[in-house]
Amino acid sequence: MKSINPDDFKVIGKIDLSSIPTNLFNGNSDDEKEDKLDKVQLKLSEIQDVMYAHNRYGVLICLQGMDTSGKDSLIREVFKEFNSRGVVVHSFKTPNSSELEHDYLWRHYLVLPEKGKFTVFNRSHYENVLVTRVHLEYIMNENLPGIETVTDITPQFWENRMQQINNFEKHITQNGTIMLKFYLHMSKEEQRQRLLRRLEEQKHNWKFSTGDLKERDRWDDYMHYYEEAINNTSSEYAPWYVIPADDKEMARYIVAKIIWEEMQKHTDIKEPEMDGKIRENIEMYKQMLKKED
């Protein structure tokens, strides 16, 4: 299998999503992909253990993608070997009445990762420059000053909002949050096949919603806004990675490998040294415990 280089997927300049493949790797067996992922899963769980003891960083993973792009299953598989206390997943739905009484970033601040832990945003603050651009009427629920009708929502409004997101991400990363953002890049045809599978396989029927078809009708709009959001918010401190997602198994491995490779750059993450006085008396403590046999 071809080695994974994070820089091959990292957004470091302007991108055109229509020119980026949604399936890069062909010919790899499922067993091979599963074996590769298994090994990275264990490595990630080990770094989380060390990170917990180090207690200086939290890690925020943001996942974005169209319906059926594989976000849920990716979370399940990539973080499968973690201590359950070491990873927290938040899925952001339509803001509730309490959340709408605050600015759009408020609910995201509340659930940022604690030091020593990973947090995964399944959909994220980026919904506020994606779905709200496709459905401008959603902005009206925020009751913003100067926005009386959707005609008041200008291009400058979106530029301001993306700059606010950049400021938010810069703030949290300067205060100990390692942030990685992944866009699961799936083809429209692959989404069609996955939606059909939800209808044809009874065990997947519950996943289907007529809303999926309505959003699919706006595919081109979503691609345009995804591209614009990624181009305006990929930074060195909070980079975007565009992951080919037509092959779910390969997408999981690529994301896991990128997280692992990026974590290796933080060479200061180490287990703390044992207290000197304890180390001096370690043999005595061992003998005390052995005498209890």
C-alpha atoms as a PDB file:
ATOM      1  CA  MET A   1       0.000   0.000   0.000  1.00  0.00           C
ATOM      2  CA  LYS A   2       1.222   3.492  -0.839  1.00  0.00           C
ATOM      3  CA  SER A   3       2.503   5.360   2.224  1.00  0.00           C
ATOM      4  CA  ILE A   4       0.379   8.207   3.533  1.00  0.00           C
ATOM      5  CA  ASN A   5       1.954  11.654   3.534  1.00  0.00           C
ATOM      6  CA  PRO A   6      -0.239  14.205   5.381  1.00  0.00           C
ATOM      7  CA  ASP A   7       1.022  16.994   3.140  1.00  0.00           C
ATOM      8  CA  ASP A   8      -0.631  15.293   0.153  1.00  0.00           C
ATOM      9  CA  PHE A   9      -4.032  16.040   1.711  1.00  0.00           C
ATOM     10  CA  LYS A  10      -3.302  19.254   3.585  1.00  0.00           C
ATOM     11  CA  VAL A  11      -4.751  22.479   2.198  1.00  0.00           C
ATOM     12  CA  ILE A  12      -1.877  24.933   1.941  1.00  0.00           C
ATOM     13  CA  GLY A  13      -3.177  27.049  -0.952  1.00  0.00           C
ATOM     14  CA  LYS A  14      -6.378  27.672  -2.849  1.00  0.00           C
ATOM     15  CA  ILE A  15      -8.111  24.460  -3.905  1.00  0.00           C
ATOM     16  CA  ASP A  16     -10.714  23.529  -6.497  1.00  0.00           C
ATOM     17  CA  LEU A  17     -12.750  20.626  -5.101  1.00  0.00           C
ATOM     18  CA  SER A  18     -13.913  19.568  -8.559  1.00  0.00           C
ATOM     19  CA  SER A  19     -10.303  18.783  -9.498  1.00  0.00           C
ATOM     20  CA  ILE A  20      -9.538  16.702  -6.384  1.00  0.00           C
ATOM     21  CA  PRO A  21     -10.165  12.936  -6.717  1.00  0.00           C
ATOM     22  CA  THR A  22     -12.661  11.305  -4.369  1.00  0.00           C
ATOM     23  CA  ASN A  23     -10.930   7.921  -4.596  1.00  0.00           C
ATOM     24  CA  LEU A  24      -7.156   7.834  -4.896  1.00  0.00           C
ATOM     25  CA  PHE A  25      -6.192   4.295  -3.975  1.00  0.00           C
ATOM     26  CA  ASN A  26      -7.377   1.289  -5.953  1.00  0.00           C
ATOM     27  CA  GLY A  27      -6.402  -2.334  -5.631  1.00  0.00           C
ATOM     28  CA  ASN A  28      -5.867  -2.476  -1.874  1.00  0.00           C
ATOM     29  CA  SER A  29      -7.641  -5.379  -0.208  1.00  0.00           C
ATOM     30  CA  ASP A  30     -10.014  -4.808   2.710  1.00  0.00           C
ATOM     31  CA  ASP A  31      -7.779  -6.984   4.891  1.00  0.00           C
ATOM     32  CA  GLU A  32      -4.748  -4.846   4.087  1.00  0.00           C
ATOM     33  CA  LYS A  33      -6.608  -1.614   4.889  1.00  0.00           C
ATOM     34  CA  GLU A  34      -7.984  -3.078   8.111  1.00  0.00           C
ATOM     35  CA  ASP A  35      -4.552  -4.257   9.205  1.00  0.00           C
ATOM     36  CA  LYS A  36      -3.033  -0.820   8.578  1.00  0.00           C
ATOM     37  CA  LEU A  37      -5.830   0.877  10.519  1.00  0.00           C
ATOM     38  CA  ASP A  38      -5.533  -1.556  13.432  1.00  0.00           C
ATOM     39  CA  LYS A  39      -1.878  -0.627  13.899  1.00  0.00           C
ATOM     40  CA  VAL A  40      -2.549   3.116  13.843  1.00  0.00           C
ATOM     41  CA  GLN A  41      -5.501   2.732  16.238  1.00  0.00           C
ATOM     42  CA  LEU A  42      -3.173   1.294  18.862  1.00  0.00           C
ATOM     43  CA  LYS A  43      -0.581   4.020  18.329  1.00  0.00           C
ATOM     44  CA  LEU A  44      -3.218   6.715  18.746  1.00  0.00           C
ATOM     45  CA  SER A  45      -4.499   5.185  21.975  1.00  0.00           C
ATOM     46  CA  GLU A  46      -0.935   5.123  23.314  1.00  0.00           C
ATOM     47  CA  ILE A  47      -0.333   8.803  22.509  1.00  0.00           C
ATOM     48  CA  GLN A  48      -3.613   9.690  24.222  1.00  0.00           C
ATOM     49  CA  ASP A  49      -2.457   7.885  27.380  1.00  0.00           C
ATOM     50  CA  VAL A  50       0.780   9.866  27.380  1.00  0.00           C
ATOM     51  CA  MET A  51      -1.104  13.065  26.581  1.00  0.00           C
ATOM     52  CA  TYR A  52      -3.379  12.489  29.589  1.00  0.00           C
ATOM     53  CA  ALA A  53      -0.381  12.147  31.897  1.00  0.00           C
ATOM     54  CA  HIS A  54       1.308  15.188  30.326  1.00  0.00           C
ATOM     55  CA  ASN A  55      -1.872  17.252  30.831  1.00  0.00           C
ATOM     56  CA  ARG A  56      -0.920  20.216  28.634  1.00  0.00           C
ATOM     57  CA  TYR A  57      -2.800  19.702  25.386  1.00  0.00           C
ATOM     58  CA  GLY A  58      -6.263  18.811  24.241  1.00  0.00           C
ATOM     59  CA  VAL A  59      -6.939  17.658  20.677  1.00  0.00           C
ATOM     60  CA  LEU A  60      -9.915  18.825  18.617  1.00  0.00           C
ATOM     61  CA  ILE A  61     -10.809  16.845  15.489  1.00  0.00           C
ATOM     62  CA  CYS A  62     -13.423  18.446  13.226  1.00  0.00           C
ATOM     63  CA  LEU A  63     -15.198  16.250  10.669  1.00  0.00           C
ATOM     64  CA  GLN A  64     -17.256  17.729   7.867  1.00  0.00           C
ATOM     65  CA  GLY A  65     -18.819  16.114   4.828  1.00  0.00           C
ATOM     66  CA  MET A  66     -22.056  15.639   2.964  1.00  0.00           C
ATOM     67  CA  ASP A  67     -24.712  13.209   4.217  1.00  0.00           C
ATOM     68  CA  THR A  68     -23.503   9.571   3.967  1.00  0.00           C
ATOM     69  CA  SER A  69     -19.828  10.609   3.689  1.00  0.00           C
ATOM     70  CA  GLY A  70     -18.957   8.228   6.549  1.00  0.00           C
ATOM     71  CA  LYS A  71     -18.364  10.496   9.531  1.00  0.00           C
ATOM     72  CA  ASP A  72     -20.065   8.249  12.118  1.00  0.00           C
ATOM     73  CA  SER A  73     -18.331   5.041  11.078  1.00  0.00           C
ATOM     74  CA  LEU A  74     -14.982   6.839  10.821  1.00  0.00           C
ATOM     75  CA  ILE A  75     -15.289   8.010  14.430  1.00  0.00           C
ATOM     76  CA  ARG A  76     -16.236   4.519  15.568  1.00  0.00           C
ATOM     77  CA  GLU A  77     -13.282   2.856  13.846  1.00  0.00           C
ATOM     78  CA  VAL A  78     -10.481   5.411  14.239  1.00  0.00           C
ATOM     79  CA  PHE A  79     -10.978   5.872  17.995  1.00  0.00           C
ATOM     80  CA  LYS A  80     -11.978   2.294  18.795  1.00  0.00           C
ATOM     81  CA  GLU A  81      -8.905   1.531  20.924  1.00  0.00           C
ATOM     82  CA  PHE A  82      -9.116   4.675  23.047  1.00  0.00           C
ATOM     83  CA  ASN A  83      -9.877   4.573  26.727  1.00  0.00           C
ATOM     84  CA  SER A  84     -13.527   5.637  26.750  1.00  0.00           C
ATOM     85  CA  ARG A  85     -12.642   8.511  29.069  1.00  0.00           C
ATOM     86  CA  GLY A  86     -10.028   9.778  26.620  1.00  0.00           C
ATOM     87  CA  VAL A  87     -12.295  10.752  23.724  1.00  0.00           C
ATOM     88  CA  VAL A  88     -15.569  12.683  23.622  1.00  0.00           C
ATOM     89  CA  VAL A  89     -17.765  13.026  20.530  1.00  0.00           C
ATOM     90  CA  HIS A  90     -20.184  15.885  19.946  1.00  0.00           C
ATOM     91  CA  SER A  91     -22.691  15.874  17.077  1.00  0.00           C
ATOM     92  CA  PHE A  92     -24.069  19.325  16.402  1.00  0.00           C
ATOM     93  CA  LYS A  93     -27.671  19.446  15.261  1.00  0.00           C
ATOM     94  CA  THR A  94     -29.922  22.446  14.656  1.00  0.00           C
ATOM     95  CA  PRO A  95     -29.312  24.950  17.502  1.00  0.00           C
ATOM     96  CA  ASN A  96     -31.920  24.750  20.252  1.00  0.00           C
ATOM     97  CA  SER A  97     -33.677  27.761  21.793  1.00  0.00           C
ATOM     98  CA  SER A  98     -31.087  28.148  24.557  1.00  0.00           C
ATOM     99  CA  GLU A  99     -28.174  28.009  22.103  1.00  0.00           C
ATOM    100  CA  LEU A 100     -29.843  30.616  19.890  1.00  0.00           C
ATOM    101  CA  GLU A 101     -29.801  33.045  22.818  1.00  0.00           C
ATOM    102  CA  HIS A 102     -25.998  33.165  22.422  1.00  0.00           C
ATOM    103  CA  ASP A 103     -23.646  33.761  19.524  1.00  0.00           C
ATOM    104  CA  TYR A 104     -23.140  30.854  17.115  1.00  0.00           C
ATOM    105  CA  LEU A 105     -19.749  29.864  18.549  1.00  0.00           C
ATOM    106  CA  TRP A 106     -20.929  29.696  22.168  1.00  0.00           C
ATOM    107  CA  ARG A 107     -22.070  26.074  22.135  1.00  0.00           C
ATOM    108  CA  HIS A 108     -18.750  25.015  20.632  1.00  0.00           C
ATOM    109  CA  TYR A 109     -16.706  26.778  23.297  1.00  0.00           C
ATOM    110  CA  LEU A 110     -18.627  24.834  25.940  1.00  0.00           C
ATOM    111  CA  VAL A 111     -17.429  21.442  24.714  1.00  0.00           C
ATOM    112  CA  LEU A 112     -13.820  22.078  23.747  1.00  0.00           C
ATOM    113  CA  PRO A 113     -11.459  19.264  24.788  1.00  0.00           C
ATOM    114  CA  GLU A 114     -10.098  19.080  28.295  1.00  0.00           C
ATOM    115  CA  LYS A 115      -6.351  18.815  28.659  1.00  0.00           C
ATOM    116  CA  GLY A 116      -5.233  15.261  27.988  1.00  0.00           C
ATOM    117  CA  LYS A 117      -8.297  14.335  25.941  1.00  0.00           C
ATOM    118  CA  PHE A 118      -9.471  14.144  22.340  1.00  0.00           C
ATOM    119  CA  THR A 119     -12.760  15.728  21.308  1.00  0.00           C
ATOM    120  CA  VAL A 120     -14.387  15.010  17.951  1.00  0.00           C
ATOM    121  CA  PHE A 121     -16.864  17.416  16.399  1.00  0.00           C
ATOM    122  CA  ASN A 122     -19.167  15.430  14.094  1.00  0.00           C
ATOM    123  CA  ARG A 123     -20.159  18.449  12.075  1.00  0.00           C
ATOM    124  CA  SER A 124     -18.897  21.596  13.713  1.00  0.00           C
ATOM    125  CA  HIS A 125     -18.924  25.382  13.849  1.00  0.00           C
ATOM    126  CA  TYR A 126     -18.459  25.219  10.071  1.00  0.00           C
ATOM    127  CA  GLU A 127     -22.153  24.464   9.665  1.00  0.00           C
ATOM    128  CA  ASN A 128     -22.538  28.200  10.327  1.00  0.00           C
ATOM    129  CA  VAL A 129     -20.892  29.009   6.979  1.00  0.00           C
ATOM    130  CA  LEU A 130     -22.252  25.994   5.097  1.00  0.00           C
ATOM    131  CA  VAL A 131     -25.853  24.992   5.751  1.00  0.00           C
ATOM    132  CA  THR A 132     -26.737  28.554   6.725  1.00  0.00           C
ATOM    133  CA  ARG A 133     -25.464  29.785   3.356  1.00  0.00           C
ATOM    134  CA  VAL A 134     -27.575  27.240   1.528  1.00  0.00           C
ATOM    135  CA  HIS A 135     -30.570  28.072   3.739  1.00  0.00           C
ATOM    136  CA  LEU A 136     -30.301  31.781   4.481  1.00  0.00           C
ATOM    137  CA  GLU A 137     -33.524  31.677   6.471  1.00  0.00           C
ATOM    138  CA  TYR A 138     -31.682  29.858   9.265  1.00  0.00           C
ATOM    139  CA  ILE A 139     -29.707  33.030   9.991  1.00  0.00           C
ATOM    140  CA  MET A 140     -32.952  34.772  10.900  1.00  0.00           C
ATOM    141  CA  ASN A 141     -33.245  32.456  13.928  1.00  0.00           C
ATOM    142  CA  GLU A 142     -30.093  34.060  15.375  1.00  0.00           C
ATOM    143  CA  ASN A 143     -31.901  37.398  15.823  1.00  0.00           C
ATOM    144  CA  LEU A 144     -28.841  39.425  14.865  1.00  0.00           C
ATOM    145  CA  PRO A 145     -28.666  43.238  14.946  1.00  0.00           C
ATOM    146  CA  GLY A 146     -29.102  44.742  11.491  1.00  0.00           C
ATOM    147  CA  ILE A 147     -30.422  41.532   9.942  1.00  0.00           C
ATOM    148  CA  GLU A 148     -34.152  42.065   9.441  1.00  0.00           C
ATOM    149  CA  THR A 149     -34.573  39.974   6.273  1.00  0.00           C
ATOM    150  CA  VAL A 150     -32.367  37.615   4.269  1.00  0.00           C
ATOM    151  CA  THR A 151     -31.642  40.479   1.884  1.00  0.00           C
ATOM    152  CA  ASP A 152     -29.576  42.047   4.685  1.00  0.00           C
ATOM    153  CA  ILE A 153     -27.140  39.096   4.579  1.00  0.00           C
ATOM    154  CA  THR A 154     -24.359  40.409   2.357  1.00  0.00           C
ATOM    155  CA  PRO A 155     -21.116  38.779   1.128  1.00  0.00           C
ATOM    156  CA  GLN A 156     -19.340  40.844   3.786  1.00  0.00           C
ATOM    157  CA  PHE A 157     -21.398  39.045   6.436  1.00  0.00           C
ATOM    158  CA  TRP A 158     -19.846  35.711   5.398  1.00  0.00           C
ATOM    159  CA  GLU A 159     -16.358  37.177   5.149  1.00  0.00           C
ATOM    160  CA  ASN A 160     -16.743  38.486   8.690  1.00  0.00           C
ATOM    161  CA  ARG A 161     -18.011  35.152   9.946  1.00  0.00           C
ATOM    162  CA  MET A 162     -15.099  33.226   8.474  1.00  0.00           C
ATOM    163  CA  GLN A 163     -12.689  35.702  10.033  1.00  0.00           C
ATOM    164  CA  GLN A 164     -14.458  35.150  13.362  1.00  0.00           C
ATOM    165  CA  ILE A 165     -13.913  31.417  12.940  1.00  0.00           C
ATOM    166  CA  ASN A 166     -10.224  31.997  12.204  1.00  0.00           C
ATOM    167  CA  ASN A 167      -9.948  34.110  15.353  1.00  0.00           C
ATOM    168  CA  PHE A 168     -11.730  31.444  17.412  1.00  0.00           C
ATOM    169  CA  GLU A 169      -9.372  28.731  16.169  1.00  0.00           C
ATOM    170  CA  LYS A 170      -6.283  30.871  16.665  1.00  0.00           C
ATOM    171  CA  HIS A 171      -7.354  31.604  20.233  1.00  0.00           C
ATOM    172  CA  ILE A 172      -7.923  27.989  21.246  1.00  0.00           C
ATOM    173  CA  THR A 173      -4.767  26.696  19.553  1.00  0.00           C
ATOM    174  CA  GLN A 174      -2.665  29.348  21.293  1.00  0.00           C
ATOM    175  CA  ASN A 175      -4.059  28.034  24.561  1.00  0.00           C
ATOM    176  CA  GLY A 176      -3.185  24.367  24.202  1.00  0.00           C
ATOM    177  CA  THR A 177      -5.681  22.874  21.746  1.00  0.00           C
ATOM    178  CA  ILE A 178      -4.236  20.922  18.833  1.00  0.00           C
ATOM    179  CA  MET A 179      -6.742  21.261  16.007  1.00  0.00           C
ATOM    180  CA  LEU A 180      -7.111  19.182  12.821  1.00  0.00           C
ATOM    181  CA  LYS A 181      -9.999  19.552  10.357  1.00  0.00           C
ATOM    182  CA  PHE A 182     -11.054  16.902   7.852  1.00  0.00           C
ATOM    183  CA  TYR A 183     -13.406  17.266   4.907  1.00  0.00           C
ATOM    184  CA  LEU A 184     -14.599  13.857   3.671  1.00  0.00           C
ATOM    185  CA  HIS A 185     -14.622  14.404  -0.078  1.00  0.00           C
ATOM    186  CA  MET A 186     -17.222  12.110  -1.626  1.00  0.00           C
ATOM    187  CA  SER A 187     -18.554  12.044  -5.187  1.00  0.00           C
ATOM    188  CA  LYS A 188     -22.211  12.714  -5.926  1.00  0.00           C
ATOM    189  CA  GLU A 189     -22.497   9.273  -7.535  1.00  0.00           C
ATOM    190  CA  GLU A 190     -21.129   7.578  -4.423  1.00  0.00           C
ATOM    191  CA  GLN A 191     -23.699   9.416  -2.310  1.00  0.00           C
ATOM    192  CA  ARG A 192     -26.429   8.192  -4.664  1.00  0.00           C
ATOM    193  CA  GLN A 193     -25.286   4.597  -4.184  1.00  0.00           C
ATOM    194  CA  ARG A 194     -25.162   4.959  -0.392  1.00  0.00           C
ATOM    195  CA  LEU A 195     -28.642   6.497  -0.253  1.00  0.00           C
ATOM    196  CA  LEU A 196     -29.969   3.656  -2.410  1.00  0.00           C
ATOM    197  CA  ARG A 197     -28.396   1.163  -0.028  1.00  0.00           C
ATOM    198  CA  ARG A 198     -30.267   2.777   2.856  1.00  0.00           C
ATOM    199  CA  LEU A 199     -33.497   2.161   1.012  1.00  0.00           C
ATOM    200  CA  GLU A 200     -32.710  -1.335  -0.276  1.00  0.00           C
ATOM    201  CA  GLU A 201     -31.224  -2.852   2.892  1.00  0.00           C
ATOM    202  CA  GLN A 202     -33.796  -3.097   5.665  1.00  0.00           C
ATOM    203  CA  LYS A 203     -31.273  -2.764   8.477  1.00  0.00           C
ATOM    204  CA  HIS A 204     -30.278   0.640   7.081  1.00  0.00           C
ATOM    205  CA  ASN A 205     -33.806   1.935   6.385  1.00  0.00           C
ATOM    206  CA  TRP A 206     -33.868   3.957   9.594  1.00  0.00           C
ATOM    207  CA  LYS A 207     -30.983   6.100   8.366  1.00  0.00           C
ATOM    208  CA  PHE A 208     -32.896   7.420   5.368  1.00  0.00           C
ATOM    209  CA  SER A 209     -34.591  10.799   5.470  1.00  0.00           C
ATOM    210  CA  THR A 210     -36.395  12.669   2.723  1.00  0.00           C
ATOM    211  CA  GLY A 211     -34.306  15.629   3.849  1.00  0.00           C
ATOM    212  CA  ASP A 212     -31.274  13.824   2.412  1.00  0.00           C
ATOM    213  CA  LEU A 213     -32.767  14.163  -1.060  1.00  0.00           C
ATOM    214  CA  LYS A 214     -33.635  17.829  -0.569  1.00  0.00           C
ATOM    215  CA  GLU A 215     -30.072  18.622   0.466  1.00  0.00           C
ATOM    216  CA  ARG A 216     -28.745  16.525  -2.428  1.00  0.00           C
ATOM    217  CA  ASP A 217     -30.587  18.842  -4.804  1.00  0.00           C
ATOM    218  CA  ARG A 218     -28.323  21.620  -3.528  1.00  0.00           C
ATOM    219  CA  TRP A 219     -25.127  19.609  -4.088  1.00  0.00           C
ATOM    220  CA  ASP A 220     -23.453  22.235  -6.293  1.00  0.00           C
ATOM    221  CA  ASP A 221     -24.193  24.979  -3.772  1.00  0.00           C
ATOM    222  CA  TYR A 222     -22.699  22.923  -0.981  1.00  0.00           C
ATOM    223  CA  MET A 223     -19.556  22.191  -2.992  1.00  0.00           C
ATOM    224  CA  HIS A 224     -19.114  25.887  -3.702  1.00  0.00           C
ATOM    225  CA  TYR A 225     -19.514  26.866  -0.050  1.00  0.00           C
ATOM    226  CA  TYR A 226     -17.307  24.038   1.203  1.00  0.00           C
ATOM    227  CA  GLU A 227     -14.588  25.135  -1.170  1.00  0.00           C
ATOM    228  CA  GLU A 228     -14.907  28.748  -0.091  1.00  0.00           C
ATOM    229  CA  ALA A 229     -14.902  27.876   3.627  1.00  0.00           C
ATOM    230  CA  ILE A 230     -11.867  25.602   3.317  1.00  0.00           C
ATOM    231  CA  ASN A 231      -9.934  28.131   1.262  1.00  0.00           C
ATOM    232  CA  ASN A 232     -10.606  30.891   3.772  1.00  0.00           C
ATOM    233  CA  THR A 233      -9.997  28.986   7.005  1.00  0.00           C
ATOM    234  CA  SER A 234      -7.142  26.551   6.434  1.00  0.00           C
ATOM    235  CA  SER A 235      -4.195  27.779   8.481  1.00  0.00           C
ATOM    236  CA  GLU A 236      -0.957  26.447   9.877  1.00  0.00           C
ATOM    237  CA  TYR A 237      -2.468  26.380  13.364  1.00  0.00           C
ATOM    238  CA  ALA A 238      -5.776  24.788  12.262  1.00  0.00           C
ATOM    239  CA  PRO A 239      -5.246  23.072   8.899  1.00  0.00           C
ATOM    240  CA  TRP A 240      -7.847  21.474   6.665  1.00  0.00           C
ATOM    241  CA  TYR A 241      -7.270  18.074   5.050  1.00  0.00           C
ATOM    242  CA  VAL A 242      -9.335  16.983   2.062  1.00  0.00           C
ATOM    243  CA  ILE A 243      -9.784  13.213   2.341  1.00  0.00           C
ATOM    244  CA  PRO A 244     -10.936  11.066  -0.605  1.00  0.00           C
ATOM    245  CA  ALA A 245     -13.988   9.373   0.905  1.00  0.00           C
ATOM    246  CA  ASP A 246     -15.561   7.143  -1.747  1.00  0.00           C
ATOM    247  CA  ASP A 247     -13.673   4.263  -0.115  1.00  0.00           C
ATOM    248  CA  LYS A 248     -14.715   4.402   3.551  1.00  0.00           C
ATOM    249  CA  GLU A 249     -12.061   1.982   4.801  1.00  0.00           C
ATOM    250  CA  MET A 250      -9.269   3.902   3.125  1.00  0.00           C
ATOM    251  CA  ALA A 251     -10.622   7.239   4.353  1.00  0.00           C
ATOM    252  CA  ARG A 252     -10.520   5.956   7.938  1.00  0.00           C
ATOM    253  CA  TYR A 253      -6.928   4.861   7.596  1.00  0.00           C
ATOM    254  CA  ILE A 254      -5.838   8.142   5.994  1.00  0.00           C
ATOM    255  CA  VAL A 255      -7.445  10.229   8.757  1.00  0.00           C
ATOM    256  CA  ALA A 256      -5.963   8.037  11.494  1.00  0.00           C
ATOM    257  CA  LYS A 257      -2.506   8.166   9.926  1.00  0.00           C
ATOM    258  CA  ILE A 258      -2.631  11.956   9.550  1.00  0.00           C
ATOM    259  CA  ILE A 259      -3.640  12.409  13.191  1.00  0.00           C
ATOM    260  CA  TRP A 260      -0.787  10.146  14.280  1.00  0.00           C
ATOM    261  CA  GLU A 261       1.780  11.888  12.062  1.00  0.00           C
ATOM    262  CA  GLU A 262       0.697  15.338  13.208  1.00  0.00           C
ATOM    263  CA  MET A 263       0.818  14.357  16.870  1.00  0.00           C
ATOM    264  CA  GLN A 264       4.439  13.277  16.423  1.00  0.00           C
ATOM    265  CA  LYS A 265       5.351  16.911  15.771  1.00  0.00           C
ATOM    266  CA  HIS A 266       4.563  17.736  19.389  1.00  0.00           C
ATOM    267  CA  THR A 267       7.775  16.330  20.803  1.00  0.00           C
ATOM    268  CA  ASP A 268       7.182  17.916  24.202  1.00  0.00           C
ATOM    269  CA  ILE A 269       4.315  15.495  24.935  1.00  0.00           C
ATOM    270  CA  LYS A 270       5.967  13.068  27.340  1.00  0.00           C
ATOM    271  CA  GLU A 271       5.074  11.197  30.490  1.00  0.00           C
ATOM    272  CA  PRO A 272       6.020  13.242  33.564  1.00  0.00           C
ATOM    273  CA  GLU A 273       9.068  12.189  35.542  1.00  0.00           C
ATOM    274  CA  MET A 274       8.487  10.337  38.802  1.00  0.00           C
ATOM    275  CA  ASP A 275       8.854  12.492  41.891  1.00  0.00           C
ATOM    276  CA  GLY A 276      12.485  12.397  43.045  1.00  0.00           C
ATOM    277  CA  LYS A 277      11.704  11.378  46.629  1.00  0.00           C
ATOM    278  CA  ILE A 278       9.509   8.532  45.451  1.00  0.00           C
ATOM    279  CA  ARG A 279      12.224   7.354  43.060  1.00  0.00           C
ATOM    280  CA  GLU A 280      14.788   7.357  45.884  1.00  0.00           C
ATOM    281  CA  ASN A 281      12.572   5.078  47.950  1.00  0.00           C
ATOM    282  CA  ILE A 282      11.085   2.951  45.202  1.00  0.00           C
ATOM    283  CA  GLU A 283      12.691  -0.276  46.454  1.00  0.00           C
ATOM    284  CA  MET A 284      11.324   0.330  49.941  1.00  0.00           C
ATOM    285  CA  TYR A 285       7.787   0.823  48.592  1.00  0.00           C
ATOM    286  CA  LYS A 286       8.089  -2.366  46.538  1.00  0.00           C
ATOM    287  CA  GLN A 287       9.169  -4.348  49.587  1.00  0.00           C
ATOM    288  CA  MET A 288       6.304  -2.918  51.649  1.00  0.00           C
ATOM    289  CA  LEU A 289       3.792  -4.129  49.061  1.00  0.00           C
ATOM    290  CA  LYS A 290       5.447  -7.543  48.654  1.00  0.00           C
ATOM    291  CA  LYS A 291       5.296  -8.164  52.403  1.00  0.00           C
ATOM    292  CA  GLU A 292       1.514  -8.024  52.159  1.00  0.00           C
ATOM    293  CA  ASP A 293       1.469 -11.377  50.298  1.00  0.00           C
END
